[in-house]
Structure formats: C-alpha cells, structure tokens
C-alpha atoms as a PDB file:
ATOM      1  CA  MET A   1      -2.492  -7.230  -6.921  1.00  0.00           C
ATOM      2  CA  ARG A   2      -2.300  -4.715 -10.083  1.00  0.00           C
ATOM      3  CA  LEU A   3      -4.209  -2.375 -10.982  1.00  0.00           C
ATOM      4  CA  SER A   4      -7.876  -4.033 -12.791  1.00  0.00           C
ATOM      5  CA  ALA A   5     -11.237  -2.040 -13.547  1.00  0.00           C
ATOM      6  CA  ALA A   6     -12.726  -3.338 -10.429  1.00  0.00           C
ATOM      7  CA  MET A   7     -10.564  -0.330  -8.288  1.00  0.00           C
ATOM      8  CA  LEU A   8     -12.419   2.806  -9.108  1.00  0.00           C
ATOM      9  CA  ASP A   9     -12.162   3.896  -5.520  1.00  0.00           C
ATOM     10  CA  ASN A  10      -9.372   6.292  -4.334  1.00  0.00           C
ATOM     11  CA  ILE A  11      -7.963   7.416  -0.950  1.00  0.00           C
ATOM     12  CA  ARG A  12      -5.364   9.806  -0.226  1.00  0.00           C
ATOM     13  CA  LEU A  13      -3.541  10.096   2.480  1.00  0.00           C
ATOM     14  CA  ARG A  14      -0.877  12.538   3.827  1.00  0.00           C
ATOM     15  CA  ILE A  15       2.859  11.546   4.759  1.00  0.00           C
ATOM     16  CA  SER A  16       6.239  12.669   5.572  1.00  0.00           C
ATOM     17  CA  ASP A  17       9.438  12.273   3.634  1.00  0.00           C
ATOM     18  CA  ASP A  18      10.938   9.961   5.111  1.00  0.00           C
ATOM     19  CA  GLU A  19       7.582   7.873   5.546  1.00  0.00           C
ATOM     20  CA  LYS A  20       7.582   7.725   2.188  1.00  0.00           C
ATOM     21  CA  ARG A  21      10.877   7.483   1.215  1.00  0.00           C
ATOM     22  CA  THR A  22      10.440   4.147   3.932  1.00  0.00           C
ATOM     23  CA  LEU A  23       7.572   2.763   1.889  1.00  0.00           C
ATOM     24  CA  LEU A  24       8.756   2.970  -0.995  1.00  0.00           C
ATOM     25  CA  ALA A  25      12.433   1.450   0.676  1.00  0.00           C
ATOM     26  CA  ALA A  26       9.761  -1.505   1.299  1.00  0.00           C
ATOM     27  CA  ALA A  27       7.734  -1.685  -2.275  1.00  0.00           C
ATOM     28  CA  ALA A  28      10.751  -1.825  -3.907  1.00  0.00           C
ATOM     29  CA  LYS A  29      12.405  -4.881  -1.934  1.00  0.00           C
ATOM     30  CA  ARG A  30       9.052  -6.603  -2.339  1.00  0.00           C
ATOM     31  CA  GLY A  31       9.038  -6.345  -6.259  1.00  0.00           C
ATOM     32  CA  LEU A  32       5.468  -3.840  -5.932  1.00  0.00           C
ATOM     33  CA  THR A  33       4.913  -0.256  -6.601  1.00  0.00           C
ATOM     34  CA  LEU A  34       3.882   2.080  -3.677  1.00  0.00           C
ATOM     35  CA  SER A  35      -0.278   2.434  -3.569  1.00  0.00           C
ATOM     36  CA  GLU A  36       0.661  -2.011  -4.314  1.00  0.00           C
ATOM     37  CA  TYR A  37       2.640  -2.343  -1.115  1.00  0.00           C
ATOM     38  CA  ILE A  38       0.437   0.130   0.403  1.00  0.00           C
ATOM     39  CA  ARG A  39      -2.849  -2.018  -0.254  1.00  0.00           C
ATOM     40  CA  GLU A  40      -1.610  -4.804   0.726  1.00  0.00           C
ATOM     41  CA  ALA A  41       0.380  -4.155   3.551  1.00  0.00           C
ATOM     42  CA  ALA A  42      -3.230  -2.386   4.706  1.00  0.00           C
ATOM     43  CA  THR A  43      -5.728  -4.905   3.589  1.00  0.00           C
ATOM     44  CA  ASP A  44      -3.511  -7.602   5.500  1.00  0.00           C
ATOM     45  CA  ALA A  45      -3.374  -5.975   8.657  1.00  0.00           C
ATOM     46  CA  ALA A  46      -6.858  -4.959   8.424  1.00  0.00           C
ATOM     47  CA  ARG A  47      -7.854  -8.770   8.205  1.00  0.00           C
ATOM     48  CA  ARG A  48      -5.876  -9.645  11.674  1.00  0.00           C
ATOM     49  CA  ILE A  49      -7.066  -7.221  13.411  1.00  0.00           C
ATOM     50  CA  ALA A  50     -10.639  -8.588  12.188  1.00  0.00           C
ATOM     51  CA  ALA A  51      -9.860 -11.971  13.191  1.00  0.00           C
END
C-alpha cells in the first residue's frame, strides 16, 4: 500500500543497525519501501494473532 492522504499517524521505533539492514534487505526483495514492508509485516502478524 502506497502512502495516501488517509495515512496521518506515525509510529517511531528503535532498532539496531543489524535489524535495519535485515529489514531493508527484505523490503528490497519484495520491491517495497522500508515503511511499506514494516507496515505490511506488522499488520499481517497482528491479524494472525487477533484471529
């Protein structure tokens, strides 16, 4: 999902350099930005847990 006008909230988190490199690599393999990748991964995980 690309950034839209409906996306007004921000979430900040602290991660290590190694975690960031790992997330960036995974995002690149999927053709996503880091924000898109984290948003998608977190939402998918939350939906699985909530189900």
